[in-house]
């Protein structure tokens, strides 16, 4: 089990002229999507404006086999999205943030992120599986992860760096994964891989995406709920990550962290998530204000760490019992739509 705290917190060399073409099925390439060749190298700001502004969604269309009829079949999209995800992992491996983590092989997480994006795209496609450029653009605008993926890939490919004011204007921060602080990687390895860390980080509030600090790890700090409570309580927003004995990886984000006592804290920014076997985000339903709970050594109150539950009913969307030496269980009721009710044993 892992708990982390998300902390708050132009120059271009020789220009390489690249011409990108939209290739319709069975036809010669005849439509240019990239900037036209110029005799004089443009300024850095002009390049940033061209690649990260007006043409950003059109570049995505290139990845998805846009043809001259301005629509495409969504069937090949998973393969093309997988190429985009693979390119992102390669691009991110050279970042300073990447060097502060210790990742395992990313292949499984790449598949899960690809499936997540393909499922998102399918919801915008027509009944016959085709998708117009308008539908593609709508998907990109509504997705929390597509534009950051594209930006990271093209920023690396063209060696471009965004100014702070441009980052703020575009609505999501850089980098796409956080710095990791306070970890001795000789004693542990991250349960998150590059694609899954990117996925989770993009769903956090902006002020918590820059850097994370390790608060508790059961293999490093021991299986002690008192230690967990002391390390976690009162430290502000945190991410909880749990690996079950059957290989599921899931957790929660507590927007205001956990405070020891009989009351819930937090707000609607809190959410539950799954990473394996599939990536998904479960936002608050609005049914009540029971977001994050932490208590210990009580006779009449639940002892443990929970999310989205009810003290009176005893049902929880997510709950870690105080006895970390034994079985740890999660429970759910119909209103919470918890994805965790099948998992009963945690690592």
Protein backbone atom coordinates (compact mmCIF):
# COMPACT_ATOMS: atom_id res chain seq x y z
CA UNK A 1 0.00 0.00 0.00
CA UNK A 2 1.27 3.45 -0.90
CA UNK A 3 0.17 6.92 0.17
CA UNK A 4 1.62 10.02 -1.41
CA UNK A 5 1.00 13.69 -0.99
CA UNK A 6 0.72 15.83 -4.13
CA UNK A 7 2.53 19.06 -3.18
CA UNK A 8 1.54 22.54 -4.45
CA UNK A 9 3.83 24.19 -6.05
CA UNK A 10 12.99 29.59 -25.97
CA UNK A 11 15.11 28.68 -27.88
CA UNK A 12 14.96 26.65 -31.15
CA UNK A 13 18.03 25.51 -33.06
CA UNK A 14 18.20 24.73 -36.76
CA UNK A 15 14.71 24.34 -38.11
CA UNK A 16 13.79 20.98 -39.60
CA UNK A 17 11.07 21.29 -42.24
CA UNK A 18 8.57 18.46 -41.88
CA UNK A 19 5.62 17.98 -44.19
CA UNK A 20 2.81 15.81 -42.85
CA UNK A 21 0.17 14.44 -45.20
CA UNK A 22 -3.28 12.97 -44.63
CA UNK A 23 -3.33 9.67 -46.49
CA UNK A 24 -6.83 8.52 -47.53
CA UNK A 25 -7.34 4.77 -47.77
CA UNK A 26 -6.25 3.53 -51.18
CA UNK A 27 -5.39 6.96 -52.51
CA UNK A 28 -2.26 9.01 -53.00
CA UNK A 29 -1.47 11.65 -50.43
CA UNK A 30 -2.74 15.04 -51.56
CA UNK A 31 -3.65 17.08 -48.51
CA UNK A 32 -1.06 18.91 -46.42
CA UNK A 33 -1.77 19.28 -42.69
CA UNK A 34 1.52 20.87 -41.63
CA UNK A 35 2.88 24.39 -42.07
CA UNK A 36 4.19 25.20 -45.53
CA UNK A 37 7.93 25.52 -46.14
CA UNK A 38 9.30 29.00 -45.61
CA UNK A 39 12.62 30.46 -46.67
CA UNK A 40 13.23 32.13 -43.31
CA UNK A 41 13.11 30.15 -40.06
CA UNK A 42 10.14 31.40 -37.96
CA UNK A 43 10.47 32.69 -34.44
CA UNK A 44 10.03 30.39 -31.46
CA UNK A 45 6.69 32.02 -30.61
CA UNK A 46 5.42 31.51 -34.16
CA UNK A 47 6.28 27.82 -34.02
CA UNK A 48 4.61 27.47 -30.62
CA UNK A 49 1.49 29.18 -31.90
CA UNK A 50 1.30 27.01 -35.01
CA UNK A 51 1.90 23.62 -33.39
CA UNK A 52 0.23 24.09 -30.02
CA UNK A 53 -2.69 26.27 -31.07
CA UNK A 54 -4.72 26.15 -34.24
CA UNK A 55 -3.43 22.88 -35.72
CA UNK A 56 -3.23 20.75 -32.55
CA UNK A 57 -6.49 18.89 -33.14
CA UNK A 58 -5.67 18.47 -36.84
CA UNK A 59 -2.42 16.75 -35.93
CA UNK A 60 -4.44 14.30 -33.83
CA UNK A 61 -6.61 13.62 -36.86
CA UNK A 62 -3.46 12.63 -38.72
CA UNK A 63 -2.82 9.92 -36.14
CA UNK A 64 -6.33 8.59 -36.62
CA UNK A 65 -6.22 8.12 -40.43
CA UNK A 66 -8.27 11.14 -41.41
CA UNK A 67 -9.24 10.97 -45.08
CA UNK A 68 -10.36 13.59 -47.59
CA UNK A 69 -14.03 12.90 -46.88
CA UNK A 70 -13.33 14.35 -43.43
CA UNK A 71 -14.33 11.21 -41.59
CA UNK A 72 -12.57 8.02 -40.59
CA UNK A 73 -13.40 4.54 -39.42
CA UNK A 74 -12.83 4.23 -35.68
CA UNK A 75 -11.74 0.58 -35.93
CA UNK A 76 -8.00 1.27 -36.49
CA UNK A 77 -8.00 3.88 -33.73
CA UNK A 78 -6.75 1.56 -30.93
CA UNK A 79 -3.59 0.74 -32.90
CA UNK A 80 -2.95 4.38 -33.70
CA UNK A 81 -3.68 5.51 -30.15
CA UNK A 82 -1.29 2.82 -28.92
CA UNK A 83 1.40 4.34 -31.14
CA UNK A 84 0.69 7.73 -29.58
CA UNK A 85 0.91 6.27 -26.05
CA UNK A 86 4.18 4.50 -26.91
CA UNK A 87 5.58 7.74 -28.31
CA UNK A 88 4.60 9.55 -25.12
CA UNK A 89 6.36 6.99 -22.91
CA UNK A 90 9.51 7.36 -25.01
CA UNK A 91 9.31 11.16 -24.90
CA UNK A 92 8.70 11.26 -21.15
CA UNK A 93 11.69 9.02 -20.42
CA UNK A 94 14.02 11.96 -21.09
CA UNK A 95 12.29 14.33 -18.65
CA UNK A 96 13.71 15.44 -15.31
CA UNK A 97 10.54 14.22 -13.58
CA UNK A 98 11.01 10.70 -14.96
CA UNK A 99 14.43 10.48 -13.34
CA UNK A 100 12.92 10.89 -9.85
CA UNK A 101 10.92 7.65 -10.20
CA UNK A 102 11.74 3.96 -10.44
CA UNK A 103 9.40 2.33 -12.95
CA UNK A 104 8.92 -1.22 -14.07
CA UNK A 105 8.21 -2.22 -17.70
CA UNK A 106 5.31 -0.06 -18.99
CA UNK A 107 3.75 -2.51 -21.47
CA UNK A 108 0.66 -3.46 -19.46
CA UNK A 109 -0.08 0.14 -18.50
CA UNK A 110 0.32 1.20 -22.15
CA UNK A 111 -2.40 -1.29 -23.11
CA UNK A 112 -4.70 -0.04 -20.34
CA UNK A 113 -4.28 3.61 -21.31
CA UNK A 114 -4.86 2.74 -24.97
CA UNK A 115 -8.07 0.92 -24.07
CA UNK A 116 -9.22 3.87 -21.97
CA UNK A 117 -8.67 6.34 -24.82
CA UNK A 118 -10.25 4.03 -27.40
CA UNK A 119 -13.31 3.64 -25.17
CA UNK A 120 -13.55 7.42 -24.84
CA UNK A 121 -13.35 7.88 -28.59
CA UNK A 122 -15.97 5.21 -29.22
CA UNK A 123 -18.49 7.16 -27.15
CA UNK A 124 -18.18 10.06 -29.62
CA UNK A 125 -18.29 7.96 -32.80
CA UNK A 126 -21.34 7.27 -34.93
CA UNK A 127 -23.31 4.02 -34.67
CA UNK A 128 -21.46 2.53 -37.64
CA UNK A 129 -18.08 3.21 -36.00
CA UNK A 130 -17.13 6.18 -38.20
CA UNK A 131 -16.13 9.49 -36.69
CA UNK A 132 -16.08 12.92 -38.35
CA UNK A 133 -13.44 15.51 -37.64
CA UNK A 134 -16.07 17.41 -35.65
CA UNK A 135 -16.61 14.36 -33.45
CA UNK A 136 -12.86 13.84 -33.17
CA UNK A 137 -12.36 17.42 -32.09
CA UNK A 138 -15.18 17.11 -29.56
CA UNK A 139 -13.49 14.02 -28.10
CA UNK A 140 -10.17 15.81 -27.80
CA UNK A 141 -11.71 18.83 -26.11
CA UNK A 142 -13.67 16.73 -23.61
CA UNK A 143 -10.90 14.25 -22.83
CA UNK A 144 -8.68 15.04 -19.86
CA UNK A 145 -5.66 13.21 -21.32
CA UNK A 146 -5.54 13.49 -25.13
CA UNK A 147 -4.20 17.04 -25.51
CA UNK A 148 -1.51 16.62 -22.82
CA UNK A 149 -0.41 13.42 -24.57
CA UNK A 150 -0.12 15.15 -27.92
CA UNK A 151 1.62 18.16 -26.43
CA UNK A 152 4.23 16.05 -24.68
CA UNK A 153 5.01 14.10 -27.86
CA UNK A 154 5.29 17.11 -30.17
CA UNK A 155 7.03 19.27 -27.60
CA UNK A 156 9.76 16.63 -27.41
CA UNK A 157 9.84 15.92 -31.16
CA UNK A 158 10.24 19.60 -32.06
CA UNK A 159 12.29 20.52 -28.98
CA UNK A 160 9.84 23.22 -27.94
CA UNK A 161 9.28 24.63 -24.49
CA UNK A 162 6.14 26.45 -23.40
CA UNK A 163 6.23 29.70 -21.49
CA UNK A 164 4.50 29.79 -18.10
CA UNK A 165 1.80 32.14 -19.34
CA UNK A 166 1.04 29.81 -22.25
CA UNK A 167 0.77 26.87 -19.86
CA UNK A 168 -1.76 28.74 -17.73
CA UNK A 169 -3.71 29.86 -20.79
CA UNK A 170 -4.04 26.31 -22.09
CA UNK A 171 -5.57 25.08 -18.84
CA UNK A 172 -3.25 22.23 -17.81
CA UNK A 173 0.19 22.36 -16.27
CA UNK A 174 3.49 20.96 -17.36
CA UNK A 175 5.01 18.48 -16.73
CA UNK A 176 2.62 15.61 -17.36
CA UNK A 177 4.02 13.51 -14.49
CA UNK A 178 5.09 14.91 -11.10
CA UNK A 179 8.44 15.01 -9.40
CA UNK A 180 8.64 12.31 -6.71
CA UNK A 181 10.17 13.36 -3.37
CA UNK A 182 11.26 11.49 -0.27
CA UNK A 183 11.66 7.98 -1.70
CA UNK A 184 14.57 5.58 -1.38
CA UNK A 185 14.02 3.49 -4.50
CA UNK A 186 16.49 0.89 -3.30
CA UNK A 187 13.79 -0.25 -0.88
CA UNK A 188 10.75 -0.16 -3.14
CA UNK A 189 9.49 0.24 -6.70
CA UNK A 190 6.57 2.31 -7.89
CA UNK A 191 3.28 0.47 -8.35
CA UNK A 192 2.43 3.08 -10.97
CA UNK A 193 4.05 2.97 -14.41
CA UNK A 194 4.57 5.93 -16.72
CA UNK A 195 1.17 5.63 -18.53
CA UNK A 196 -0.80 5.01 -15.32
CA UNK A 197 0.99 7.82 -13.46
CA UNK A 198 0.22 10.16 -16.35
CA UNK A 199 -3.44 9.05 -16.34
CA UNK A 200 -3.87 9.60 -12.61
CA UNK A 201 -1.97 12.87 -12.51
CA UNK A 202 -4.15 14.38 -15.26
CA UNK A 203 -7.25 13.87 -13.09
CA UNK A 204 -5.84 15.68 -10.05
CA UNK A 205 -6.52 19.38 -9.42
CA UNK A 206 -3.89 21.50 -11.15
CA UNK A 207 -2.19 22.60 -7.93
CA UNK A 208 -1.37 18.98 -7.04
CA UNK A 209 0.24 17.84 -10.30
CA UNK A 210 3.74 19.28 -9.95
CA UNK A 211 5.31 17.11 -7.26
CA UNK A 212 4.38 14.27 -4.92
CA UNK A 213 5.94 13.32 -1.60
CA UNK A 214 5.83 9.81 -0.15
CA UNK A 215 3.93 9.63 3.15
CA UNK A 216 3.58 5.91 3.79
CA UNK A 217 4.49 2.58 2.24
CA UNK A 218 3.67 -0.67 4.03
CA UNK A 219 6.92 -2.32 2.91
CA UNK A 220 9.04 0.61 4.03
CA UNK A 221 7.17 1.74 7.16
CA UNK A 222 5.69 -1.60 8.22
CA UNK A 223 2.10 -2.83 8.44
CA UNK A 224 1.03 -0.54 11.26
CA UNK A 225 -2.22 1.40 11.09
CA UNK A 226 -1.03 3.77 13.82
CA UNK A 227 2.01 4.58 11.68
CA UNK A 228 -0.20 5.04 8.63
CA UNK A 229 -2.53 7.38 10.55
CA UNK A 230 0.37 9.42 11.93
CA UNK A 231 2.05 9.70 8.53
CA UNK A 232 -1.18 10.59 6.74
CA UNK A 233 -3.37 12.55 9.12
CA UNK A 234 -3.29 16.32 8.76
CA UNK A 235 -0.88 16.40 5.79
CA UNK A 236 -3.35 17.73 3.24
CA UNK A 237 -4.38 16.24 -0.10
CA UNK A 238 -3.13 12.72 -0.72
CA UNK A 239 -3.34 9.80 -3.13
CA UNK A 240 -3.94 6.31 -1.74
CA UNK A 241 -2.78 3.40 -3.86
CA UNK A 242 -3.59 -0.23 -2.96
CA UNK A 243 -2.54 -3.46 -4.64
CA UNK A 244 -4.78 -6.46 -3.91
CA UNK A 245 -3.63 -10.05 -3.66
CA UNK A 246 -5.42 -10.85 -6.92
CA UNK A 247 -3.45 -8.20 -8.83
CA UNK A 248 -5.96 -5.34 -8.87
CA UNK A 249 -4.53 -1.84 -8.48
CA UNK A 250 -6.88 0.85 -7.23
CA UNK A 251 -7.16 3.74 -4.80
CA UNK A 252 -8.51 7.18 -4.04
CA UNK A 253 -7.67 10.85 -4.06
CA UNK A 254 -8.64 12.77 -0.91
CA UNK A 255 -8.82 16.46 -1.77
CA UNK A 256 -8.26 17.65 1.82
CA UNK A 257 -6.45 14.56 3.05
CA UNK A 258 -7.45 12.81 6.26
CA UNK A 259 -8.02 14.25 9.73
CA UNK A 260 -8.20 12.00 12.77
CA UNK A 261 -11.66 12.17 14.29
CA UNK A 262 -15.32 11.12 13.99
CA UNK A 263 -16.15 13.38 11.02
CA UNK A 264 -15.64 13.26 7.27
CA UNK A 265 -13.52 15.88 5.50
CA UNK A 266 -13.00 16.78 1.83
CA UNK A 267 -15.13 17.92 -1.07
CA UNK A 268 -16.35 16.88 -4.52
CA UNK A 269 -12.83 17.00 -5.96
CA UNK A 270 -12.19 13.67 -4.20
CA UNK A 271 -12.56 10.55 -6.33
CA UNK A 272 -11.91 6.83 -6.51
CA UNK A 273 -9.95 5.20 -9.33
CA UNK A 274 -8.85 1.88 -10.73
CA UNK A 275 -5.60 1.27 -12.64
CA UNK A 276 -5.62 -2.51 -13.12
CA UNK A 277 -7.28 -4.40 -14.70
CA UNK A 278 -8.71 -1.24 -16.34
CA UNK A 279 -8.23 2.49 -15.95
CA UNK A 280 -11.27 4.39 -14.72
CA UNK A 281 -12.17 7.39 -12.57
CA UNK A 282 -15.18 7.36 -10.21
CA UNK A 283 -16.20 10.87 -9.24
CA UNK A 284 -18.38 11.80 -6.28
CA UNK A 285 -22.08 11.11 -6.82
CA UNK A 286 -23.27 14.12 -4.81
CA UNK A 287 -25.45 11.86 -2.65
CA UNK A 288 -23.78 13.13 0.54
CA UNK A 289 -20.67 14.92 1.78
CA UNK A 290 -18.95 11.83 3.19
CA UNK A 291 -15.61 12.00 1.43
CA UNK A 292 -12.63 11.06 3.64
CA UNK A 293 -12.65 9.45 7.09
CA UNK A 294 -9.87 8.47 9.51
CA UNK A 295 -10.23 7.19 13.08
CA UNK A 296 -8.52 4.85 15.53
CA UNK A 297 -8.79 3.48 19.08
CA UNK A 298 -12.54 4.14 19.32
CA UNK A 299 -15.22 1.95 20.90
CA UNK A 300 -18.33 3.28 19.18
CA UNK A 301 -16.90 4.51 15.88
CA UNK A 302 -15.37 2.65 12.90
CA UNK A 303 -11.60 2.35 13.21
CA UNK A 304 -9.87 2.68 9.89
CA UNK A 305 -9.45 4.83 6.80
CA UNK A 306 -12.41 5.18 4.48
CA UNK A 307 -13.82 7.05 1.50
CA UNK A 308 -17.40 7.65 0.45
CA UNK A 309 -19.12 5.67 3.18
CA UNK A 310 -21.66 5.94 5.95
CA UNK A 311 -20.86 5.50 9.62
CA UNK A 312 -24.46 4.61 10.46
CA UNK A 313 -24.92 1.96 7.77
CA UNK A 314 -21.41 0.58 7.90
CA UNK A 315 -21.15 0.53 4.09
CA UNK A 316 -18.16 2.12 2.40
CA UNK A 317 -16.98 2.73 -1.13
CA UNK A 318 -13.44 2.22 0.10
CA UNK A 319 -12.27 1.19 3.58
CA UNK A 320 -9.00 0.05 5.14
CA UNK A 321 -9.57 -1.63 8.48
CA UNK A 322 -7.34 -0.61 11.41
CA UNK A 323 -6.05 -4.20 11.75
CA UNK A 324 -3.40 -4.12 9.06
CA UNK A 325 -2.02 -7.44 10.31
CA UNK A 326 -5.14 -9.29 9.19
CA UNK A 327 -7.72 -9.11 6.43
CA UNK A 328 -8.50 -5.71 4.95
CA UNK A 329 -11.86 -5.36 3.31
CA UNK A 330 -13.76 -2.97 1.12
CA UNK A 331 -17.52 -2.81 1.01
CA UNK A 332 -20.03 -0.90 -1.06
CA UNK A 333 -23.67 -0.02 -1.26
CA UNK A 334 -25.75 0.52 -4.38
CA UNK A 335 -25.56 4.32 -4.17
CA UNK A 336 -21.76 4.45 -4.16
CA UNK A 337 -21.24 2.33 -7.30
CA UNK A 338 -17.90 1.29 -5.84
CA UNK A 339 -15.62 -0.65 -8.20
CA UNK A 340 -13.79 -2.28 -5.28
CA UNK A 341 -16.33 -4.60 -3.67
CA UNK A 342 -14.74 -7.73 -5.16
CA UNK A 343 -11.35 -7.07 -3.57
CA UNK A 344 -10.94 -8.26 0.02
CA UNK A 345 -7.21 -8.88 0.48
CA UNK A 346 -4.62 -6.14 0.09
CA UNK A 347 -0.87 -6.29 -0.24
